[in-house]
N, C-alpha and C. Protein backbone atom coordinates (compact mmCIF):
# COMPACT_ATOMS: atom_id res chain seq x y z
N UNK A 1 -31.65 -63.04 -57.43
CA UNK A 1 -32.92 -62.36 -57.42
C UNK A 1 -32.94 -61.31 -56.30
N UNK A 2 -33.37 -60.11 -56.62
CA UNK A 2 -33.45 -59.06 -55.62
C UNK A 2 -34.59 -59.33 -54.65
N UNK A 3 -34.32 -59.04 -53.38
CA UNK A 3 -35.35 -59.15 -52.36
C UNK A 3 -35.84 -57.75 -52.00
N UNK A 4 -37.06 -57.69 -51.55
CA UNK A 4 -37.62 -56.45 -51.04
C UNK A 4 -36.81 -56.04 -49.80
N UNK A 5 -36.59 -54.73 -49.62
CA UNK A 5 -35.86 -54.23 -48.46
C UNK A 5 -36.79 -53.36 -47.63
N UNK A 6 -36.90 -53.68 -46.36
CA UNK A 6 -37.70 -52.90 -45.41
C UNK A 6 -36.72 -52.23 -44.46
N UNK A 7 -36.84 -50.91 -44.34
CA UNK A 7 -35.95 -50.16 -43.45
C UNK A 7 -36.78 -49.67 -42.27
N UNK A 8 -36.45 -50.14 -41.09
CA UNK A 8 -37.16 -49.76 -39.87
C UNK A 8 -36.89 -48.29 -39.51
N UNK A 9 -37.79 -47.71 -38.73
CA UNK A 9 -37.71 -46.29 -38.36
C UNK A 9 -36.39 -45.97 -37.66
N UNK A 10 -35.93 -46.84 -36.79
CA UNK A 10 -34.67 -46.59 -36.08
C UNK A 10 -33.51 -46.49 -37.06
N UNK A 11 -33.51 -47.34 -38.09
CA UNK A 11 -32.45 -47.31 -39.09
C UNK A 11 -32.51 -46.02 -39.90
N UNK A 12 -33.71 -45.58 -40.26
CA UNK A 12 -33.85 -44.31 -40.99
C UNK A 12 -33.34 -43.13 -40.17
N UNK A 13 -33.66 -43.15 -38.89
CA UNK A 13 -33.19 -42.08 -37.99
C UNK A 13 -31.66 -42.10 -37.90
N UNK A 14 -31.09 -43.29 -37.76
CA UNK A 14 -29.63 -43.41 -37.68
C UNK A 14 -28.98 -42.96 -38.98
N UNK A 15 -29.59 -43.29 -40.11
CA UNK A 15 -29.07 -42.87 -41.41
C UNK A 15 -29.08 -41.36 -41.53
N UNK A 16 -30.17 -40.74 -41.15
CA UNK A 16 -30.28 -39.28 -41.19
C UNK A 16 -29.23 -38.63 -40.29
N UNK A 17 -29.07 -39.16 -39.09
CA UNK A 17 -28.10 -38.60 -38.14
C UNK A 17 -26.68 -38.73 -38.66
N UNK A 18 -26.35 -39.86 -39.26
CA UNK A 18 -24.99 -40.07 -39.78
C UNK A 18 -24.74 -39.13 -40.97
N UNK A 19 -25.72 -39.01 -41.86
CA UNK A 19 -25.56 -38.09 -43.00
C UNK A 19 -25.37 -36.66 -42.52
N UNK A 20 -26.15 -36.25 -41.54
CA UNK A 20 -26.04 -34.89 -40.99
C UNK A 20 -24.68 -34.67 -40.34
N UNK A 21 -24.22 -35.66 -39.59
CA UNK A 21 -22.94 -35.54 -38.91
C UNK A 21 -21.81 -35.38 -39.94
N UNK A 22 -21.82 -36.20 -40.98
CA UNK A 22 -20.78 -36.11 -42.01
C UNK A 22 -20.85 -34.78 -42.76
N UNK A 23 -22.06 -34.28 -43.00
CA UNK A 23 -22.19 -32.98 -43.68
C UNK A 23 -21.65 -31.84 -42.83
N UNK A 24 -21.80 -31.95 -41.51
CA UNK A 24 -21.24 -30.94 -40.61
C UNK A 24 -19.71 -30.95 -40.66
N UNK A 25 -19.14 -32.12 -40.84
CA UNK A 25 -17.68 -32.24 -40.89
C UNK A 25 -17.12 -31.71 -42.19
N UNK A 26 -17.85 -31.97 -43.30
CA UNK A 26 -17.38 -31.53 -44.62
C UNK A 26 -18.58 -31.48 -45.56
N UNK A 27 -18.76 -30.35 -46.22
CA UNK A 27 -19.87 -30.20 -47.15
C UNK A 27 -19.83 -31.29 -48.22
N UNK A 28 -20.96 -31.95 -48.43
CA UNK A 28 -21.06 -32.99 -49.45
C UNK A 28 -20.72 -34.39 -48.97
N UNK A 29 -20.09 -34.49 -47.80
CA UNK A 29 -19.69 -35.81 -47.30
C UNK A 29 -20.91 -36.64 -46.88
N UNK A 30 -21.96 -35.97 -46.39
CA UNK A 30 -23.19 -36.67 -46.03
C UNK A 30 -23.83 -37.33 -47.24
N UNK A 31 -23.79 -36.65 -48.38
CA UNK A 31 -24.34 -37.22 -49.62
C UNK A 31 -23.50 -38.41 -50.06
N UNK A 32 -22.19 -38.29 -49.92
CA UNK A 32 -21.30 -39.40 -50.27
C UNK A 32 -21.60 -40.61 -49.38
N UNK A 33 -21.83 -40.37 -48.09
CA UNK A 33 -22.18 -41.44 -47.17
C UNK A 33 -23.50 -42.09 -47.61
N UNK A 34 -24.50 -41.27 -47.93
CA UNK A 34 -25.79 -41.78 -48.34
C UNK A 34 -25.67 -42.64 -49.61
N UNK A 35 -24.91 -42.17 -50.57
CA UNK A 35 -24.73 -42.93 -51.82
C UNK A 35 -24.05 -44.27 -51.55
N UNK A 36 -23.10 -44.28 -50.66
CA UNK A 36 -22.42 -45.52 -50.29
C UNK A 36 -23.41 -46.47 -49.59
N UNK A 37 -24.26 -45.90 -48.74
CA UNK A 37 -25.32 -46.70 -48.09
C UNK A 37 -26.23 -47.35 -49.14
N UNK A 38 -26.65 -46.56 -50.13
CA UNK A 38 -27.55 -47.07 -51.18
C UNK A 38 -26.90 -48.23 -51.95
N UNK A 39 -25.62 -48.09 -52.26
CA UNK A 39 -24.90 -49.16 -52.96
C UNK A 39 -24.88 -50.43 -52.11
N UNK A 40 -24.57 -50.29 -50.83
CA UNK A 40 -24.53 -51.45 -49.93
C UNK A 40 -25.93 -52.05 -49.79
N UNK A 41 -26.95 -51.21 -49.67
CA UNK A 41 -28.33 -51.71 -49.57
C UNK A 41 -28.70 -52.53 -50.81
N UNK A 42 -28.30 -52.07 -51.98
CA UNK A 42 -28.59 -52.82 -53.21
C UNK A 42 -27.86 -54.16 -53.22
N UNK A 43 -26.61 -54.15 -52.76
CA UNK A 43 -25.85 -55.41 -52.70
C UNK A 43 -26.50 -56.39 -51.73
N UNK A 44 -26.96 -55.87 -50.60
CA UNK A 44 -27.65 -56.72 -49.61
C UNK A 44 -28.93 -57.29 -50.22
N UNK A 45 -29.66 -56.47 -50.96
CA UNK A 45 -30.89 -56.91 -51.61
C UNK A 45 -30.63 -58.05 -52.60
N UNK A 46 -29.53 -57.97 -53.32
CA UNK A 46 -29.21 -58.99 -54.32
C UNK A 46 -28.56 -60.23 -53.72
N UNK A 47 -27.71 -60.03 -52.72
CA UNK A 47 -26.95 -61.14 -52.13
C UNK A 47 -27.02 -61.08 -50.60
N UNK A 48 -28.19 -61.26 -50.01
CA UNK A 48 -28.35 -61.08 -48.56
C UNK A 48 -27.55 -62.05 -47.70
N UNK A 49 -27.21 -63.19 -48.23
CA UNK A 49 -26.46 -64.19 -47.45
C UNK A 49 -24.95 -63.95 -47.49
N UNK A 50 -24.49 -62.99 -48.27
CA UNK A 50 -23.06 -62.83 -48.46
C UNK A 50 -22.36 -62.01 -47.37
N UNK A 51 -23.12 -61.41 -46.49
CA UNK A 51 -22.50 -60.61 -45.44
C UNK A 51 -22.40 -61.39 -44.14
N UNK A 52 -21.49 -60.94 -43.29
CA UNK A 52 -21.16 -61.61 -42.04
C UNK A 52 -22.39 -61.83 -41.16
N UNK A 53 -22.53 -63.04 -40.65
CA UNK A 53 -23.60 -63.40 -39.73
C UNK A 53 -23.06 -63.30 -38.31
N UNK A 54 -23.78 -62.54 -37.47
CA UNK A 54 -23.35 -62.39 -36.07
C UNK A 54 -23.88 -63.54 -35.23
N UNK A 55 -23.48 -63.57 -33.99
CA UNK A 55 -23.93 -64.62 -33.07
C UNK A 55 -25.42 -64.53 -32.81
N UNK A 56 -26.00 -63.34 -33.03
CA UNK A 56 -27.42 -63.13 -32.73
C UNK A 56 -28.31 -63.26 -33.97
N UNK A 57 -27.77 -63.84 -35.04
CA UNK A 57 -28.47 -64.06 -36.30
C UNK A 57 -28.77 -62.79 -37.09
N UNK A 58 -28.14 -61.70 -36.73
CA UNK A 58 -28.19 -60.49 -37.55
C UNK A 58 -26.99 -60.54 -38.49
N UNK A 59 -27.14 -59.92 -39.63
CA UNK A 59 -26.03 -59.80 -40.57
C UNK A 59 -25.54 -58.36 -40.56
N UNK A 60 -24.26 -58.19 -40.91
CA UNK A 60 -23.63 -56.87 -40.86
C UNK A 60 -23.06 -56.53 -42.23
N UNK A 61 -23.68 -55.56 -42.89
CA UNK A 61 -23.18 -55.07 -44.17
C UNK A 61 -22.32 -53.84 -43.95
N UNK A 62 -21.12 -53.86 -44.47
CA UNK A 62 -20.18 -52.74 -44.28
C UNK A 62 -20.46 -51.67 -45.34
N UNK A 63 -20.63 -50.44 -44.89
CA UNK A 63 -20.81 -49.32 -45.81
C UNK A 63 -19.42 -48.88 -46.26
N UNK A 64 -19.13 -49.11 -47.51
CA UNK A 64 -17.78 -48.88 -48.04
C UNK A 64 -17.35 -47.42 -47.90
N UNK A 65 -16.12 -47.25 -47.41
CA UNK A 65 -15.54 -45.92 -47.27
C UNK A 65 -15.86 -45.24 -45.96
N UNK A 66 -16.69 -45.88 -45.12
CA UNK A 66 -17.11 -45.30 -43.85
C UNK A 66 -17.12 -46.38 -42.78
N UNK A 67 -16.85 -46.00 -41.53
CA UNK A 67 -16.84 -47.01 -40.46
C UNK A 67 -18.25 -47.26 -39.93
N UNK A 68 -19.16 -47.65 -40.82
CA UNK A 68 -20.55 -47.90 -40.46
C UNK A 68 -21.01 -49.26 -40.97
N UNK A 69 -21.96 -49.83 -40.24
CA UNK A 69 -22.51 -51.14 -40.56
C UNK A 69 -24.02 -51.06 -40.70
N UNK A 70 -24.55 -51.83 -41.62
CA UNK A 70 -26.00 -52.00 -41.74
C UNK A 70 -26.34 -53.30 -41.04
N UNK A 71 -27.18 -53.21 -40.02
CA UNK A 71 -27.59 -54.37 -39.24
C UNK A 71 -28.93 -54.85 -39.81
N UNK A 72 -28.96 -56.10 -40.31
CA UNK A 72 -30.17 -56.57 -40.97
C UNK A 72 -30.40 -58.06 -40.74
N UNK A 73 -31.61 -58.48 -41.08
CA UNK A 73 -32.00 -59.89 -41.03
C UNK A 73 -32.50 -60.26 -42.41
N UNK A 74 -32.13 -61.43 -42.86
CA UNK A 74 -32.60 -61.95 -44.13
C UNK A 74 -33.79 -62.86 -43.88
N UNK A 75 -34.98 -62.28 -43.88
CA UNK A 75 -36.21 -63.07 -43.72
C UNK A 75 -36.58 -63.70 -45.06
N UNK A 76 -37.42 -64.72 -45.06
CA UNK A 76 -37.80 -65.36 -46.32
C UNK A 76 -38.43 -64.40 -47.34
N UNK A 77 -39.20 -63.44 -46.86
CA UNK A 77 -39.93 -62.54 -47.77
C UNK A 77 -39.17 -61.25 -48.08
N UNK A 78 -38.29 -60.82 -47.18
CA UNK A 78 -37.63 -59.52 -47.37
C UNK A 78 -36.38 -59.43 -46.50
N UNK A 79 -35.55 -58.47 -46.85
CA UNK A 79 -34.42 -58.09 -46.00
C UNK A 79 -34.93 -56.95 -45.11
N UNK A 80 -34.73 -57.09 -43.81
CA UNK A 80 -35.19 -56.06 -42.88
C UNK A 80 -33.98 -55.40 -42.24
N UNK A 81 -33.83 -54.10 -42.50
CA UNK A 81 -32.72 -53.33 -41.92
C UNK A 81 -33.20 -52.75 -40.60
N UNK A 82 -32.53 -53.13 -39.52
CA UNK A 82 -32.92 -52.70 -38.19
C UNK A 82 -32.15 -51.48 -37.70
N UNK A 83 -30.91 -51.32 -38.16
CA UNK A 83 -30.13 -50.19 -37.68
C UNK A 83 -28.95 -49.94 -38.60
N UNK A 84 -28.42 -48.74 -38.51
CA UNK A 84 -27.18 -48.35 -39.18
C UNK A 84 -26.32 -47.77 -38.07
N UNK A 85 -25.18 -48.40 -37.82
CA UNK A 85 -24.40 -48.05 -36.64
C UNK A 85 -22.93 -47.85 -36.98
N UNK A 86 -22.27 -47.11 -36.11
CA UNK A 86 -20.83 -46.96 -36.21
C UNK A 86 -20.18 -48.30 -35.85
N UNK A 87 -19.17 -48.66 -36.58
CA UNK A 87 -18.45 -49.91 -36.29
C UNK A 87 -17.74 -49.83 -34.94
N UNK A 88 -17.63 -48.63 -34.39
CA UNK A 88 -16.95 -48.45 -33.11
C UNK A 88 -17.89 -48.60 -31.92
N UNK A 89 -19.19 -48.72 -32.16
CA UNK A 89 -20.14 -48.87 -31.06
C UNK A 89 -19.97 -50.21 -30.37
N UNK A 90 -20.34 -50.24 -29.12
CA UNK A 90 -20.23 -51.50 -28.37
C UNK A 90 -21.22 -52.52 -28.92
N UNK A 91 -20.89 -53.80 -28.84
CA UNK A 91 -21.76 -54.85 -29.38
C UNK A 91 -23.19 -54.81 -28.80
N UNK A 92 -23.35 -54.36 -27.55
CA UNK A 92 -24.68 -54.31 -26.94
C UNK A 92 -25.60 -53.35 -27.70
N UNK A 93 -25.04 -52.30 -28.27
CA UNK A 93 -25.83 -51.30 -28.98
C UNK A 93 -26.09 -51.68 -30.43
N UNK A 94 -25.38 -52.66 -30.93
CA UNK A 94 -25.48 -53.02 -32.34
C UNK A 94 -26.79 -53.68 -32.71
N UNK A 95 -27.30 -54.51 -31.83
CA UNK A 95 -28.43 -55.36 -32.17
C UNK A 95 -29.67 -54.99 -31.36
N UNK A 96 -30.83 -54.96 -32.02
CA UNK A 96 -32.06 -54.66 -31.29
C UNK A 96 -32.38 -55.77 -30.28
N UNK A 97 -32.98 -55.39 -29.19
CA UNK A 97 -33.32 -56.37 -28.16
C UNK A 97 -34.44 -57.30 -28.65
N UNK A 98 -35.37 -56.72 -29.38
CA UNK A 98 -36.46 -57.53 -29.94
C UNK A 98 -36.71 -57.07 -31.37
N UNK A 99 -36.95 -58.02 -32.21
CA UNK A 99 -37.18 -57.74 -33.63
C UNK A 99 -38.59 -57.25 -33.78
């Protein structure tokens, strides 16, 4: 069963920045990144427990074809996406300090 997905403002900002960065590198690559994000978001919505659980109870969905992760929590009512980050970022930056 699909769950409702809530995307926090910080995650939307990170998504926009990543799409813009990829478009600067190569025309159309930002759209490809966005489409890959949408596919991963749909998979998370359908199977929220299937992605890696971190020590801080956040889950990490890998955006296929890009070194980016979707940081989310599987709440009873919805999946909440807190951030979209580069897999190369330090662990301290990956997870929000407070939900």
